Amino acid sequence: MEIEVYNRKLAIRSNAPEEYVRQVAKYVEERIKSLEQPGVSPMDTAILACMNIADELMELRSEHADYEATIDKALEILNKVDI
C-alpha cells in the first residue's frame, strides 16, 4: 500500500490492516506538524517527532511493566489465601 506522511509518499508492506496503517501514518504526521517551527528543518522536525513518539512508547512500556508487577503480586497473595 502507499501512504503519504509529511508530503512524502511511502510504499508500505504490513500485515496490519490498511486502515490501521493509515491511522499510524496520520498520527505521525500530526505529531510532526505539531512541532514545526520557522528555521527548523523538516528532517530535524521529523526526528523530534520520532523522539517524542519513542518517549511515549517507553513511558507506556514502563507503566505496563508496573501494572504487570502489581498483578503478579496480587496473584501471589491470592494464591496464598486458603479458600
C-alpha atoms as a PDB file:
ATOM      1  CA  MET A   1       0.000   0.000   0.000  1.00  0.00           C
ATOM      2  CA  GLU A   2       1.065   3.576  -0.431  1.00  0.00           C
ATOM      3  CA  ILE A   3       0.766   6.222   2.256  1.00  0.00           C
ATOM      4  CA  GLU A   4       1.789   9.835   2.495  1.00  0.00           C
ATOM      5  CA  VAL A   5       3.439  11.325   5.570  1.00  0.00           C
ATOM      6  CA  TYR A   6       4.687  14.889   5.687  1.00  0.00           C
ATOM      7  CA  ASN A   7       4.474  15.271   1.909  1.00  0.00           C
ATOM      8  CA  ARG A   8       6.422  12.053   1.289  1.00  0.00           C
ATOM      9  CA  LYS A   9       4.861   9.088  -0.421  1.00  0.00           C
ATOM     10  CA  LEU A  10       5.934   5.784   1.034  1.00  0.00           C
ATOM     11  CA  ALA A  11       5.310   2.229  -0.105  1.00  0.00           C
ATOM     12  CA  ILE A  12       4.484   0.175   2.983  1.00  0.00           C
ATOM     13  CA  ARG A  13       4.253  -3.562   3.424  1.00  0.00           C
ATOM     14  CA  SER A  14       2.462  -4.603   6.581  1.00  0.00           C
ATOM     15  CA  ASN A  15       0.433  -7.458   7.983  1.00  0.00           C
ATOM     16  CA  ALA A  16      -1.705  -4.884   9.796  1.00  0.00           C
ATOM     17  CA  PRO A  17      -4.999  -3.794   8.295  1.00  0.00           C
ATOM     18  CA  GLU A  18      -4.694  -0.901   5.853  1.00  0.00           C
ATOM     19  CA  GLU A  19      -6.893   1.361   7.981  1.00  0.00           C
ATOM     20  CA  TYR A  20      -4.603   0.832  10.968  1.00  0.00           C
ATOM     21  CA  VAL A  21      -1.505   1.700   8.926  1.00  0.00           C
ATOM     22  CA  ARG A  22      -3.216   4.847   7.697  1.00  0.00           C
ATOM     23  CA  GLN A  23      -4.112   5.804  11.275  1.00  0.00           C
ATOM     24  CA  VAL A  24      -0.470   5.355  12.313  1.00  0.00           C
ATOM     25  CA  ALA A  25       0.668   7.499   9.390  1.00  0.00           C
ATOM     26  CA  LYS A  26      -1.859  10.183  10.304  1.00  0.00           C
ATOM     27  CA  TYR A  27      -0.683  10.161  13.925  1.00  0.00           C
ATOM     28  CA  VAL A  28       2.958  10.527  12.875  1.00  0.00           C
ATOM     29  CA  GLU A  29       2.117  13.376  10.511  1.00  0.00           C
ATOM     30  CA  GLU A  30       0.108  15.168  13.200  1.00  0.00           C
ATOM     31  CA  ARG A  31       3.000  14.856  15.637  1.00  0.00           C
ATOM     32  CA  ILE A  32       5.464  16.209  13.077  1.00  0.00           C
ATOM     33  CA  LYS A  33       3.221  19.130  12.179  1.00  0.00           C
ATOM     34  CA  SER A  34       2.702  19.986  15.855  1.00  0.00           C
ATOM     35  CA  LEU A  35       6.457  20.525  16.175  1.00  0.00           C
ATOM     36  CA  GLU A  36       7.023  22.650  13.069  1.00  0.00           C
ATOM     37  CA  GLN A  37       8.870  25.874  13.756  1.00  0.00           C
ATOM     38  CA  PRO A  38      10.360  28.517  11.499  1.00  0.00           C
ATOM     39  CA  GLY A  39      14.034  27.858  10.875  1.00  0.00           C
ATOM     40  CA  VAL A  40      13.866  24.180  11.875  1.00  0.00           C
ATOM     41  CA  SER A  41      14.478  21.791   9.001  1.00  0.00           C
ATOM     42  CA  PRO A  42      11.828  19.224   8.093  1.00  0.00           C
ATOM     43  CA  MET A  43      14.316  16.450   8.918  1.00  0.00           C
ATOM     44  CA  ASP A  44      15.005  17.862  12.381  1.00  0.00           C
ATOM     45  CA  THR A  45      11.272  18.263  12.953  1.00  0.00           C
ATOM     46  CA  ALA A  46      10.671  14.642  11.934  1.00  0.00           C
ATOM     47  CA  ILE A  47      13.464  13.452  14.240  1.00  0.00           C
ATOM     48  CA  LEU A  48      11.986  15.427  17.143  1.00  0.00           C
ATOM     49  CA  ALA A  49       8.604  13.825  16.448  1.00  0.00           C
ATOM     50  CA  CYS A  50      10.261  10.394  16.458  1.00  0.00           C
ATOM     51  CA  MET A  51      11.903  11.182  19.779  1.00  0.00           C
ATOM     52  CA  ASN A  52       8.569  12.263  21.263  1.00  0.00           C
ATOM     53  CA  ILE A  53       6.784   9.161  19.992  1.00  0.00           C
ATOM     54  CA  ALA A  54       9.594   6.919  21.273  1.00  0.00           C
ATOM     55  CA  ASP A  55       9.347   8.650  24.658  1.00  0.00           C
ATOM     56  CA  GLU A  56       5.604   7.937  24.758  1.00  0.00           C
ATOM     57  CA  LEU A  57       6.255   4.307  23.892  1.00  0.00           C
ATOM     58  CA  MET A  58       8.908   3.895  26.560  1.00  0.00           C
ATOM     59  CA  GLU A  59       6.689   5.510  29.216  1.00  0.00           C
ATOM     60  CA  LEU A  60       3.805   3.211  28.281  1.00  0.00           C
ATOM     61  CA  ARG A  61       6.073   0.156  28.395  1.00  0.00           C
ATOM     62  CA  SER A  62       7.231   1.178  31.855  1.00  0.00           C
ATOM     63  CA  GLU A  63       3.635   1.656  33.025  1.00  0.00           C
ATOM     64  CA  HIS A  64       2.716  -1.729  31.553  1.00  0.00           C
ATOM     65  CA  ALA A  65       5.593  -3.386  33.409  1.00  0.00           C
ATOM     66  CA  ASP A  66       4.455  -1.700  36.648  1.00  0.00           C
ATOM     67  CA  TYR A  67       0.900  -2.982  36.124  1.00  0.00           C
ATOM     68  CA  GLU A  68       2.174  -6.485  35.425  1.00  0.00           C
ATOM     69  CA  ALA A  69       4.254  -6.421  38.607  1.00  0.00           C
ATOM     70  CA  THR A  70       1.224  -5.266  40.616  1.00  0.00           C
ATOM     71  CA  ILE A  71      -0.924  -8.026  39.132  1.00  0.00           C
ATOM     72  CA  ASP A  72       1.769 -10.630  39.824  1.00  0.00           C
ATOM     73  CA  LYS A  73       1.957  -9.518  43.484  1.00  0.00           C
ATOM     74  CA  ALA A  74      -1.824  -9.632  43.803  1.00  0.00           C
ATOM     75  CA  LEU A  75      -1.891 -13.129  42.312  1.00  0.00           C
ATOM     76  CA  GLU A  76       0.787 -14.276  44.754  1.00  0.00           C
ATOM     77  CA  ILE A  77      -1.316 -13.018  47.668  1.00  0.00           C
ATOM     78  CA  LEU A  78      -4.470 -14.622  46.277  1.00  0.00           C
ATOM     79  CA  ASN A  79      -2.680 -17.924  45.783  1.00  0.00           C
ATOM     80  CA  LYS A  80      -1.660 -17.906  49.461  1.00  0.00           C
ATOM     81  CA  VAL A  81      -5.235 -17.366  50.622  1.00  0.00           C
ATOM     82  CA  ASP A  82      -6.839 -20.603  51.756  1.00  0.00           C
ATOM     83  CA  ILE A  83     -10.392 -20.742  50.486  1.00  0.00           C
END
